[in-house]
Amino acid sequence: MLSGDNLSTITEIKKCQKAGRYVTLATIYDVDLTVKWYYDSCKHCTSKVVKNDSGRWVCKKEKCIGSTEGSEISIPRYQVKFRVIGADNEVSEFVIFETQITSFINVSAADMLAALEENGRKDDMPDFDIFIDKQFIFKVEIHPKYNLEQKSKSYKVLSMSDDQDMVDRWNAKYLALKESEVGSVYHDVKPNGKVALAENKACVSETEPSDSFITPPLKRSLSKMLDATNDDDCEVRIIGDGFSATKKLLSVKMEKE
């Protein structure tokens, strides 16, 4: 998984013009509240669905049976856009999906949405603070259409881990890889885990897809994910070169018997 040929900083990923899968080190610092936190998926697969004129959910995946027959129901699945800052202090947006989210919080998007609806808060964003200010190793995809053709700077997360041993190995392997390149000068890893780089190199792609790596930390119960806050204020932080992030402190309260 941490083979040297696919390790990249966020700066390198954003500059890369080659589709592929890359492993990077980054810290989640915020959630994008301007986009929906889940999507409606096909009951036959995980692809997105849209409603047709008859009110049936039709799968967007052509080869799926749901694309022809449609369905009366859809399945909510996580699609959360997190803001991250890399080991090189570059910021980006990573989109994390159902498999990764549920591995960490042990609550499906369907159950989360049902709890919100039960409390009359369907349009609210759940509390994803368990991810904030946490450092992860991410495997992300540079998609030929969305990232290269359409120039999107949001990247799909294929897998992630918060295992400290893997973080340390990423740092060691990345430094060793870059120090081996002609003309590069790299310094030691700083105490905060950030890599001090002398210059950025062209990206390199993983030649073969690797198995998913997910190391779930402590699970979080649904009630804690929906704990309320009465503070309607917003917390504003400035990250990087003029990059501002506004996070509305909003969650849902479960009724106590």
Protein backbone atom coordinates (compact mmCIF):
# COMPACT_ATOMS: atom_id res chain seq x y z
CA MET A 1 0.00 0.00 0.00
CA LEU A 2 2.78 2.44 0.89
CA SER A 3 4.93 1.51 -2.06
CA GLY A 4 7.18 4.45 -2.90
CA ASP A 5 5.88 5.08 -6.42
CA ASN A 6 2.47 6.46 -5.41
CA LEU A 7 3.28 8.76 -2.46
CA SER A 8 2.49 12.41 -3.10
CA THR A 9 1.82 15.67 -1.28
CA ILE A 10 -1.39 17.58 -1.94
CA THR A 11 0.59 20.13 -3.95
CA GLU A 12 1.84 17.36 -6.24
CA ILE A 13 -1.64 15.85 -6.56
CA LYS A 14 -3.18 19.20 -7.54
CA LYS A 15 -0.46 19.76 -10.15
CA CYS A 16 -0.60 16.22 -11.48
CA GLN A 17 -1.86 15.66 -15.02
CA LYS A 18 -1.94 11.87 -14.88
CA ALA A 19 -5.01 9.93 -13.79
CA GLY A 20 -4.38 7.38 -11.07
CA ARG A 21 -4.43 6.62 -7.36
CA TYR A 22 -2.18 8.44 -4.91
CA VAL A 23 -1.42 8.16 -1.21
CA THR A 24 -1.04 11.35 0.79
CA LEU A 25 -0.88 12.55 4.39
CA ALA A 26 -3.37 15.23 5.46
CA THR A 27 -5.36 16.60 8.39
CA ILE A 28 -9.10 17.22 8.20
CA TYR A 29 -9.92 20.67 9.53
CA ASP A 30 -13.48 21.41 8.37
CA VAL A 31 -16.64 20.17 6.66
CA ASP A 32 -18.14 21.88 3.62
CA LEU A 33 -21.66 22.82 4.73
CA THR A 34 -22.65 24.18 1.33
CA VAL A 35 -23.16 20.74 -0.19
CA LYS A 36 -25.39 17.82 0.73
CA TRP A 37 -23.77 15.25 3.04
CA TYR A 38 -25.35 12.23 1.35
CA TYR A 39 -26.61 11.15 -2.04
CA ASP A 40 -29.52 8.98 -3.14
CA SER A 41 -28.19 5.64 -4.39
CA CYS A 42 -29.58 2.71 -6.32
CA LYS A 43 -30.94 -0.21 -4.29
CA HIS A 44 -29.19 -2.59 -6.70
CA CYS A 45 -25.75 -0.90 -6.61
CA THR A 46 -24.05 2.14 -5.09
CA SER A 47 -24.46 4.45 -8.09
CA LYS A 48 -26.48 7.66 -7.93
CA VAL A 49 -30.14 7.70 -8.90
CA VAL A 50 -32.45 10.42 -10.21
CA LYS A 51 -36.23 10.61 -10.26
CA ASN A 52 -37.93 10.27 -13.62
CA ASP A 53 -41.22 11.84 -14.66
CA SER A 54 -43.09 8.91 -13.14
CA GLY A 55 -41.50 9.47 -9.75
CA ARG A 56 -39.34 6.34 -9.89
CA TRP A 57 -35.66 6.35 -8.97
CA VAL A 58 -33.55 5.51 -12.02
CA CYS A 59 -29.93 4.42 -11.72
CA LYS A 60 -27.33 6.41 -13.65
CA LYS A 61 -25.24 3.29 -14.24
CA GLU A 62 -26.26 2.01 -17.66
CA LYS A 63 -25.56 -1.69 -17.04
CA CYS A 64 -27.50 -1.77 -13.76
CA ILE A 65 -31.02 -3.21 -13.76
CA GLY A 66 -32.10 -0.08 -11.94
CA SER A 67 -31.32 2.02 -15.03
CA THR A 68 -34.15 0.38 -16.97
CA GLU A 69 -36.70 -0.71 -14.38
CA GLY A 70 -36.19 2.01 -11.81
CA SER A 71 -37.30 1.70 -8.20
CA GLU A 72 -39.79 3.21 -5.78
CA ILE A 73 -37.05 3.73 -3.18
CA SER A 74 -33.49 5.04 -2.98
CA ILE A 75 -30.78 4.33 -0.40
CA PRO A 76 -29.04 7.30 1.29
CA ARG A 77 -25.24 6.96 1.28
CA TYR A 78 -22.59 9.27 2.73
CA GLN A 79 -20.85 11.74 0.43
CA VAL A 80 -19.19 14.23 2.77
CA LYS A 81 -16.85 16.91 1.46
CA PHE A 82 -14.09 17.59 4.00
CA ARG A 83 -11.50 20.34 3.82
CA VAL A 84 -7.98 19.09 4.45
CA ILE A 85 -4.50 20.52 4.86
CA GLY A 86 -1.55 18.44 3.76
CA ALA A 87 1.90 17.80 5.16
CA ASP A 88 3.11 20.53 2.78
CA ASN A 89 0.55 23.07 4.15
CA GLU A 90 -1.47 22.96 0.93
CA VAL A 91 -5.27 22.83 1.27
CA SER A 92 -7.76 20.80 -0.73
CA GLU A 93 -11.15 19.10 -0.54
CA PHE A 94 -11.54 15.35 -0.13
CA VAL A 95 -14.90 13.63 -0.62
CA ILE A 96 -15.39 10.66 1.71
CA PHE A 97 -18.08 8.06 1.07
CA GLU A 98 -20.19 5.49 2.90
CA THR A 99 -17.65 2.71 3.43
CA GLN A 100 -15.04 4.98 5.02
CA ILE A 101 -17.47 7.07 7.10
CA THR A 102 -19.31 4.08 8.56
CA SER A 103 -16.01 2.35 9.36
CA PHE A 104 -15.20 5.20 11.72
CA ILE A 105 -18.58 6.19 13.21
CA ASN A 106 -20.48 2.89 12.88
CA VAL A 107 -23.64 4.68 11.72
CA SER A 108 -24.95 4.36 8.18
CA ALA A 109 -26.21 7.37 6.26
CA ALA A 110 -29.65 5.74 6.13
CA ASP A 111 -29.79 5.44 9.94
CA MET A 112 -28.43 8.95 10.37
CA LEU A 113 -31.02 10.45 8.04
CA ALA A 114 -33.82 8.49 9.73
CA ALA A 115 -32.78 9.88 13.13
CA LEU A 116 -32.69 13.41 11.76
CA GLU A 117 -36.12 13.03 10.18
CA GLU A 118 -37.52 11.62 13.43
CA ASN A 119 -36.43 14.80 15.18
CA GLY A 120 -37.76 17.07 12.45
CA ARG A 121 -34.23 18.07 11.39
CA LYS A 122 -33.93 16.42 7.97
CA ASP A 123 -32.08 19.36 6.43
CA ASP A 124 -29.45 19.61 9.19
CA MET A 125 -25.84 18.50 8.88
CA PRO A 126 -24.84 15.72 11.30
CA ASP A 127 -21.97 16.28 13.70
CA PHE A 128 -18.80 15.06 12.00
CA ASP A 129 -16.46 16.55 14.61
CA ILE A 130 -14.96 13.14 15.28
CA PHE A 131 -12.94 13.70 12.08
CA ILE A 132 -11.91 17.32 12.72
CA ASP A 133 -8.24 18.01 13.52
CA LYS A 134 -7.41 14.37 12.91
CA GLN A 135 -4.52 13.27 10.68
CA PHE A 136 -5.05 10.47 8.17
CA ILE A 137 -3.31 8.65 5.39
CA PHE A 138 -5.59 8.95 2.34
CA LYS A 139 -5.64 7.08 -0.92
CA VAL A 140 -7.31 9.44 -3.41
CA GLU A 141 -8.17 9.23 -7.07
CA ILE A 142 -7.25 11.68 -9.79
CA HIS A 143 -10.18 11.11 -12.14
CA PRO A 144 -9.59 11.61 -15.88
CA LYS A 145 -12.92 13.38 -16.38
CA TYR A 146 -13.62 15.29 -13.16
CA ASN A 147 -10.09 16.23 -12.11
CA LEU A 148 -8.23 16.44 -15.41
CA GLU A 149 -10.85 17.40 -17.99
CA GLN A 150 -13.15 19.46 -15.74
CA LYS A 151 -10.31 20.74 -13.53
CA SER A 152 -12.05 19.87 -10.26
CA LYS A 153 -9.81 20.20 -7.20
CA SER A 154 -12.00 17.94 -5.06
CA TYR A 155 -10.72 14.38 -4.87
CA LYS A 156 -12.52 11.13 -4.17
CA VAL A 157 -11.18 9.19 -1.18
CA LEU A 158 -10.85 5.49 -1.94
CA SER A 159 -9.56 4.50 1.49
CA MET A 160 -8.11 6.08 4.63
CA SER A 161 -6.37 5.21 7.88
CA ASP A 162 -5.47 6.99 11.11
CA ASP A 163 -2.91 4.37 12.12
CA GLN A 164 0.12 6.20 13.52
CA ASP A 165 2.55 3.53 12.36
CA MET A 166 1.30 4.01 8.81
CA VAL A 167 1.69 7.80 9.17
CA ASP A 168 5.29 7.35 10.31
CA ARG A 169 6.00 4.95 7.45
CA TRP A 170 4.50 7.39 4.94
CA ASN A 171 6.81 10.14 6.20
CA ALA A 172 9.87 7.90 6.08
CA LYS A 173 9.08 6.45 2.64
CA TYR A 174 8.19 9.82 1.14
CA LEU A 175 11.41 11.43 2.35
CA ALA A 176 13.46 8.48 1.14
CA LEU A 177 11.76 8.62 -2.26
CA LYS A 178 12.35 12.34 -2.72
CA GLU A 179 15.91 12.28 -1.44
CA SER A 180 16.71 9.73 -4.13
CA GLU A 181 15.67 12.13 -6.89
CA VAL A 182 18.48 14.06 -8.52
CA GLY A 183 18.64 17.73 -7.55
CA SER A 184 16.28 17.45 -4.58
CA VAL A 185 17.15 18.59 -1.08
CA TYR A 186 14.80 17.46 1.69
CA HIS A 187 14.91 18.12 5.38
CA ASP A 188 13.85 16.04 8.35
CA VAL A 189 10.23 15.54 9.28
CA LYS A 190 9.16 18.23 11.70
CA PRO A 191 7.79 17.29 15.16
CA ASN A 192 4.25 18.10 13.98
CA GLY A 193 4.53 15.49 11.24
CA LYS A 194 4.88 17.98 8.37
CA VAL A 195 7.43 17.36 5.67
CA ALA A 196 9.80 20.22 4.93
CA LEU A 197 10.27 20.23 1.17
CA ALA A 198 12.88 22.08 -0.83
CA GLU A 199 10.93 21.73 -4.09
CA ASN A 200 7.95 19.88 -5.57
CA LYS A 201 8.37 17.13 -8.15
CA ALA A 202 6.09 15.83 -10.87
CA CYS A 203 3.51 13.32 -9.73
CA VAL A 204 3.87 9.60 -10.13
CA SER A 205 1.00 7.14 -10.31
CA GLU A 206 0.38 3.81 -8.67
CA THR A 207 0.70 1.19 -11.42
CA GLU A 208 -1.61 -1.37 -9.86
CA PRO A 209 -4.63 -0.74 -7.60
CA SER A 210 -3.91 -1.69 -4.00
CA ASP A 211 -6.26 -3.21 -1.48
CA SER A 212 -8.30 -0.86 0.66
CA PHE A 213 -6.77 0.10 3.99
CA ILE A 214 -9.13 1.23 6.71
CA THR A 215 -8.18 1.28 10.37
CA PRO A 216 -11.29 2.16 12.37
CA PRO A 217 -10.64 4.16 15.57
CA LEU A 218 -13.07 4.36 18.47
CA LYS A 219 -16.65 4.04 17.30
CA ARG A 220 -19.14 6.80 17.96
CA SER A 221 -22.77 6.13 18.88
CA LEU A 222 -25.66 7.63 16.96
CA SER A 223 -26.84 9.57 19.99
CA LYS A 224 -23.45 11.26 20.34
CA MET A 225 -23.37 12.04 16.63
CA LEU A 226 -26.72 13.80 17.12
CA ASP A 227 -25.96 15.59 20.40
CA ALA A 228 -27.30 19.13 20.33
CA THR A 229 -25.67 22.48 20.61
CA ASN A 230 -27.67 25.65 21.23
CA ASP A 231 -24.88 27.81 19.91
CA ASP A 232 -25.97 29.25 16.57
CA ASP A 233 -22.74 31.16 16.09
CA CYS A 234 -20.23 30.36 13.40
CA GLU A 235 -16.57 29.59 13.84
CA VAL A 236 -14.36 31.14 11.18
CA ARG A 237 -10.77 30.02 10.62
CA ILE A 238 -8.22 31.12 8.07
CA ILE A 239 -6.16 28.28 6.66
CA GLY A 240 -3.36 28.73 4.15
CA ASP A 241 -3.09 31.54 1.63
CA GLY A 242 -6.30 33.47 2.14
CA PHE A 243 -8.37 30.28 2.39
CA SER A 244 -11.24 30.84 4.78
CA ALA A 245 -13.52 28.20 6.24
CA THR A 246 -16.80 28.87 7.97
CA LYS A 247 -18.27 26.09 10.05
CA LYS A 248 -21.77 26.38 11.41
CA LEU A 249 -22.10 24.68 14.78
CA LEU A 250 -25.26 22.73 14.09
CA SER A 251 -26.38 19.29 15.11
CA VAL A 252 -29.46 17.43 16.26
CA LYS A 253 -30.77 16.65 19.72
CA MET A 254 -32.22 13.24 20.49
CA GLU A 255 -35.29 13.37 22.73
CA LYS A 256 -34.71 11.88 26.14
CA GLU A 257 -37.40 9.79 27.75
